[in-house]
N, C-alpha and C. Protein backbone atom coordinates (compact mmCIF):
# COMPACT_ATOMS: atom_id res chain seq x y z
N UNK A 1 0.82 -1.20 0.00
CA UNK A 1 0.00 0.00 0.00
C UNK A 1 0.87 1.26 0.00
N UNK A 2 1.93 1.26 0.84
CA UNK A 2 2.76 2.46 0.95
C UNK A 2 3.49 2.74 -0.35
N UNK A 3 3.94 1.67 -1.03
CA UNK A 3 4.60 1.86 -2.32
C UNK A 3 3.64 2.47 -3.33
N UNK A 4 2.41 1.98 -3.33
CA UNK A 4 1.40 2.52 -4.26
C UNK A 4 1.14 3.99 -3.98
N UNK A 5 1.07 4.35 -2.72
CA UNK A 5 0.87 5.77 -2.36
C UNK A 5 2.04 6.61 -2.85
N UNK A 6 3.25 6.13 -2.64
CA UNK A 6 4.43 6.88 -3.08
C UNK A 6 4.48 7.04 -4.59
N UNK A 7 4.18 5.97 -5.32
CA UNK A 7 4.18 6.05 -6.78
C UNK A 7 3.11 7.01 -7.28
N UNK A 8 1.93 6.96 -6.65
CA UNK A 8 0.84 7.83 -7.08
C UNK A 8 1.18 9.29 -6.79
N UNK A 9 1.81 9.53 -5.66
CA UNK A 9 2.21 10.90 -5.32
C UNK A 9 3.22 11.41 -6.34
N UNK A 10 4.16 10.55 -6.74
CA UNK A 10 5.13 10.92 -7.77
C UNK A 10 4.43 11.23 -9.09
N UNK A 11 3.45 10.42 -9.46
CA UNK A 11 2.70 10.67 -10.70
C UNK A 11 2.03 12.04 -10.66
N UNK A 12 1.43 12.36 -9.52
CA UNK A 12 0.76 13.65 -9.39
C UNK A 12 1.76 14.79 -9.58
N UNK A 13 2.89 14.72 -8.87
CA UNK A 13 3.87 15.80 -8.96
C UNK A 13 4.50 15.88 -10.34
N UNK A 14 4.75 14.74 -10.97
CA UNK A 14 5.30 14.76 -12.32
C UNK A 14 4.33 15.47 -13.26
N UNK A 15 3.05 15.16 -13.14
CA UNK A 15 2.04 15.81 -13.98
C UNK A 15 1.98 17.31 -13.70
N UNK A 16 2.05 17.68 -12.44
CA UNK A 16 2.04 19.10 -12.09
C UNK A 16 3.23 19.83 -12.71
N UNK A 17 4.41 19.25 -12.56
CA UNK A 17 5.63 19.91 -13.04
C UNK A 17 5.74 19.89 -14.56
N UNK A 18 5.06 18.96 -15.20
CA UNK A 18 5.06 18.92 -16.66
C UNK A 18 3.94 19.76 -17.26
N UNK A 19 3.19 20.44 -16.39
CA UNK A 19 2.12 21.32 -16.88
C UNK A 19 0.92 20.57 -17.42
N UNK A 20 0.59 19.46 -16.81
CA UNK A 20 -0.54 18.62 -17.22
C UNK A 20 -1.61 18.63 -16.12
N UNK A 21 -2.40 19.71 -16.02
CA UNK A 21 -3.35 19.82 -14.91
C UNK A 21 -4.42 18.74 -14.87
N UNK A 22 -4.87 18.27 -16.02
CA UNK A 22 -5.91 17.22 -16.01
C UNK A 22 -5.34 15.90 -15.51
N UNK A 23 -4.14 15.56 -15.94
CA UNK A 23 -3.50 14.35 -15.43
C UNK A 23 -3.20 14.49 -13.94
N UNK A 24 -2.79 15.69 -13.53
CA UNK A 24 -2.51 15.93 -12.10
C UNK A 24 -3.78 15.79 -11.28
N UNK A 25 -4.89 16.30 -11.80
CA UNK A 25 -6.16 16.19 -11.09
C UNK A 25 -6.55 14.73 -10.90
N UNK A 26 -6.45 13.96 -11.98
CA UNK A 26 -6.79 12.54 -11.90
C UNK A 26 -5.85 11.81 -10.94
N UNK A 27 -4.57 12.14 -11.00
CA UNK A 27 -3.60 11.51 -10.10
C UNK A 27 -3.89 11.88 -8.66
N UNK A 28 -4.28 13.12 -8.42
CA UNK A 28 -4.61 13.56 -7.06
C UNK A 28 -5.84 12.80 -6.55
N UNK A 29 -6.85 12.67 -7.40
CA UNK A 29 -8.05 11.94 -6.99
C UNK A 29 -7.71 10.49 -6.63
N UNK A 30 -6.88 9.85 -7.45
CA UNK A 30 -6.46 8.48 -7.15
C UNK A 30 -5.64 8.42 -5.86
N UNK A 31 -4.80 9.43 -5.64
CA UNK A 31 -4.00 9.49 -4.42
C UNK A 31 -4.89 9.60 -3.19
N UNK A 32 -5.91 10.44 -3.26
CA UNK A 32 -6.82 10.60 -2.12
C UNK A 32 -7.55 9.29 -1.83
N UNK A 33 -7.97 8.58 -2.87
CA UNK A 33 -8.63 7.29 -2.66
C UNK A 33 -7.70 6.28 -1.99
N UNK A 34 -6.46 6.21 -2.46
CA UNK A 34 -5.49 5.31 -1.83
C UNK A 34 -5.25 5.71 -0.37
N UNK A 35 -5.15 6.99 -0.13
CA UNK A 35 -4.90 7.48 1.24
C UNK A 35 -6.06 7.10 2.16
N UNK A 36 -7.27 7.23 1.67
CA UNK A 36 -8.43 6.86 2.49
C UNK A 36 -8.39 5.38 2.87
N UNK A 37 -8.00 4.55 1.90
CA UNK A 37 -7.90 3.11 2.18
C UNK A 37 -6.85 2.82 3.25
N UNK A 38 -5.84 3.68 3.32
CA UNK A 38 -4.76 3.51 4.30
C UNK A 38 -5.02 4.32 5.57
N UNK A 39 -6.23 4.88 5.69
CA UNK A 39 -6.59 5.70 6.86
C UNK A 39 -5.68 6.92 7.04
N UNK A 40 -5.32 7.54 5.93
CA UNK A 40 -4.52 8.76 5.96
C UNK A 40 -5.44 9.92 5.63
N UNK A 41 -5.44 10.93 6.48
CA UNK A 41 -6.30 12.09 6.27
C UNK A 41 -5.76 12.96 5.14
N UNK A 42 -6.66 13.65 4.48
CA UNK A 42 -6.26 14.52 3.38
C UNK A 42 -5.33 15.63 3.87
N UNK A 43 -5.52 16.08 5.10
CA UNK A 43 -4.63 17.10 5.65
C UNK A 43 -3.19 16.59 5.72
N UNK A 44 -3.03 15.31 5.96
CA UNK A 44 -1.68 14.73 5.97
C UNK A 44 -1.06 14.79 4.57
N UNK A 45 -1.87 14.53 3.55
CA UNK A 45 -1.38 14.65 2.18
C UNK A 45 -0.95 16.08 1.89
N UNK A 46 -1.73 17.04 2.37
CA UNK A 46 -1.38 18.45 2.15
C UNK A 46 -0.06 18.80 2.83
N UNK A 47 0.15 18.27 4.02
CA UNK A 47 1.42 18.51 4.73
C UNK A 47 2.59 17.91 3.95
N UNK A 48 2.37 16.73 3.39
CA UNK A 48 3.42 16.10 2.58
C UNK A 48 3.70 16.93 1.34
N UNK A 49 2.65 17.44 0.70
CA UNK A 49 2.83 18.30 -0.48
C UNK A 49 3.64 19.54 -0.12
N UNK A 50 3.37 20.13 1.03
CA UNK A 50 4.13 21.31 1.46
C UNK A 50 5.61 20.96 1.63
N UNK A 51 5.88 19.79 2.18
CA UNK A 51 7.26 19.34 2.35
C UNK A 51 7.94 19.14 1.00
N UNK A 52 7.20 18.55 0.05
CA UNK A 52 7.74 18.35 -1.30
C UNK A 52 8.07 19.70 -1.93
N UNK A 53 7.15 20.67 -1.82
CA UNK A 53 7.40 21.99 -2.40
C UNK A 53 8.62 22.65 -1.78
N UNK A 54 8.75 22.56 -0.47
CA UNK A 54 9.92 23.13 0.21
C UNK A 54 11.20 22.49 -0.30
N UNK A 55 11.20 21.18 -0.42
CA UNK A 55 12.40 20.47 -0.86
C UNK A 55 12.73 20.80 -2.31
N UNK A 56 11.72 20.85 -3.17
CA UNK A 56 11.97 21.21 -4.57
C UNK A 56 12.54 22.63 -4.67
N UNK A 57 12.03 23.53 -3.86
CA UNK A 57 12.54 24.90 -3.87
C UNK A 57 14.01 24.93 -3.44
N UNK A 58 14.35 24.16 -2.42
CA UNK A 58 15.76 24.08 -1.97
C UNK A 58 16.65 23.52 -3.08
N UNK A 59 16.17 22.51 -3.77
CA UNK A 59 16.93 21.93 -4.88
C UNK A 59 17.15 22.98 -5.96
N UNK A 60 16.12 23.72 -6.30
CA UNK A 60 16.24 24.76 -7.32
C UNK A 60 17.30 25.78 -6.91
N UNK A 61 17.26 26.22 -5.68
CA UNK A 61 18.21 27.23 -5.22
C UNK A 61 19.65 26.71 -5.24
N UNK A 62 19.83 25.44 -4.89
CA UNK A 62 21.19 24.87 -4.86
C UNK A 62 21.68 24.50 -6.25
N UNK A 63 20.81 23.94 -7.04
CA UNK A 63 21.21 23.42 -8.36
C UNK A 63 21.42 24.54 -9.37
N UNK A 64 20.52 25.48 -9.40
CA UNK A 64 20.60 26.55 -10.38
C UNK A 64 20.92 27.85 -9.66
N UNK A 65 22.19 28.07 -9.47
CA UNK A 65 22.59 29.26 -8.73
C UNK A 65 22.55 30.51 -9.58
N UNK A 66 22.47 30.33 -10.89
CA UNK A 66 22.29 31.49 -11.76
C UNK A 66 20.90 32.05 -11.55
N UNK A 67 20.80 33.34 -11.39
CA UNK A 67 19.54 33.98 -11.03
C UNK A 67 18.42 33.68 -12.02
N UNK A 68 18.71 33.80 -13.31
CA UNK A 68 17.66 33.60 -14.32
C UNK A 68 17.15 32.16 -14.34
N UNK A 69 18.06 31.20 -14.27
CA UNK A 69 17.63 29.80 -14.27
C UNK A 69 16.83 29.47 -13.01
N UNK A 70 17.30 29.93 -11.88
CA UNK A 70 16.58 29.68 -10.63
C UNK A 70 15.19 30.31 -10.68
N UNK A 71 15.10 31.49 -11.26
CA UNK A 71 13.81 32.17 -11.36
C UNK A 71 12.85 31.37 -12.24
N UNK A 72 13.33 30.88 -13.37
CA UNK A 72 12.48 30.11 -14.28
C UNK A 72 11.98 28.83 -13.62
N UNK A 73 12.88 28.11 -12.97
CA UNK A 73 12.47 26.87 -12.31
C UNK A 73 11.59 27.16 -11.10
N UNK A 74 11.86 28.25 -10.41
CA UNK A 74 11.01 28.65 -9.29
C UNK A 74 9.60 28.98 -9.76
N UNK A 75 9.50 29.63 -10.91
CA UNK A 75 8.18 29.95 -11.47
C UNK A 75 7.44 28.67 -11.83
N UNK A 76 8.14 27.69 -12.38
CA UNK A 76 7.50 26.41 -12.71
C UNK A 76 6.95 25.76 -11.45
N UNK A 77 7.71 25.84 -10.36
CA UNK A 77 7.24 25.28 -9.09
C UNK A 77 6.03 26.05 -8.57
N UNK A 78 6.03 27.37 -8.72
CA UNK A 78 4.89 28.17 -8.27
C UNK A 78 3.64 27.83 -9.08
N UNK A 79 3.80 27.64 -10.37
CA UNK A 79 2.66 27.26 -11.22
C UNK A 79 2.13 25.89 -10.79
N UNK A 80 3.04 24.95 -10.52
CA UNK A 80 2.62 23.62 -10.07
C UNK A 80 1.86 23.72 -8.75
N UNK A 81 2.36 24.53 -7.82
CA UNK A 81 1.69 24.70 -6.53
C UNK A 81 0.32 25.34 -6.71
N UNK A 82 0.23 26.31 -7.60
CA UNK A 82 -1.06 26.96 -7.86
C UNK A 82 -2.06 25.98 -8.46
N UNK A 83 -1.60 25.17 -9.40
CA UNK A 83 -2.47 24.16 -10.01
C UNK A 83 -2.94 23.17 -8.96
N UNK A 84 -2.05 22.76 -8.07
CA UNK A 84 -2.43 21.84 -7.00
C UNK A 84 -3.50 22.47 -6.11
N UNK A 85 -3.36 23.75 -5.81
CA UNK A 85 -4.37 24.44 -5.02
C UNK A 85 -5.72 24.44 -5.70
N UNK A 86 -5.73 24.67 -7.02
CA UNK A 86 -6.98 24.65 -7.77
C UNK A 86 -7.61 23.26 -7.75
N UNK A 87 -6.78 22.23 -7.87
CA UNK A 87 -7.28 20.85 -7.84
C UNK A 87 -7.89 20.55 -6.48
N UNK A 88 -7.23 20.98 -5.42
CA UNK A 88 -7.76 20.74 -4.07
C UNK A 88 -9.11 21.43 -3.88
N UNK A 89 -9.21 22.67 -4.34
CA UNK A 89 -10.47 23.41 -4.16
C UNK A 89 -11.60 22.78 -4.96
N UNK A 90 -11.28 22.24 -6.12
CA UNK A 90 -12.32 21.65 -6.97
C UNK A 90 -12.80 20.29 -6.45
N UNK A 91 -12.00 19.66 -5.61
CA UNK A 91 -12.34 18.31 -5.14
C UNK A 91 -13.49 18.33 -4.15
């Protein structure tokens, strides 16, 4: 079960970062269903998403120290986070 949750969470984030909001929405819905089966609250998923965003931001800052590259990748992360927020509100 835990492996399935991890893989589904990766699918959701990959879709978000690739700019595929419909795939991300479907992946999020599947993730929530798996989490319910494992007795994991949706708020816990949100906390995990926040941790993922923080870590991705740290990676961006360390990996792309050039200002322009870091800004572009940071914007991609902000768009992904915004899309995730829209998906959560629509659910």
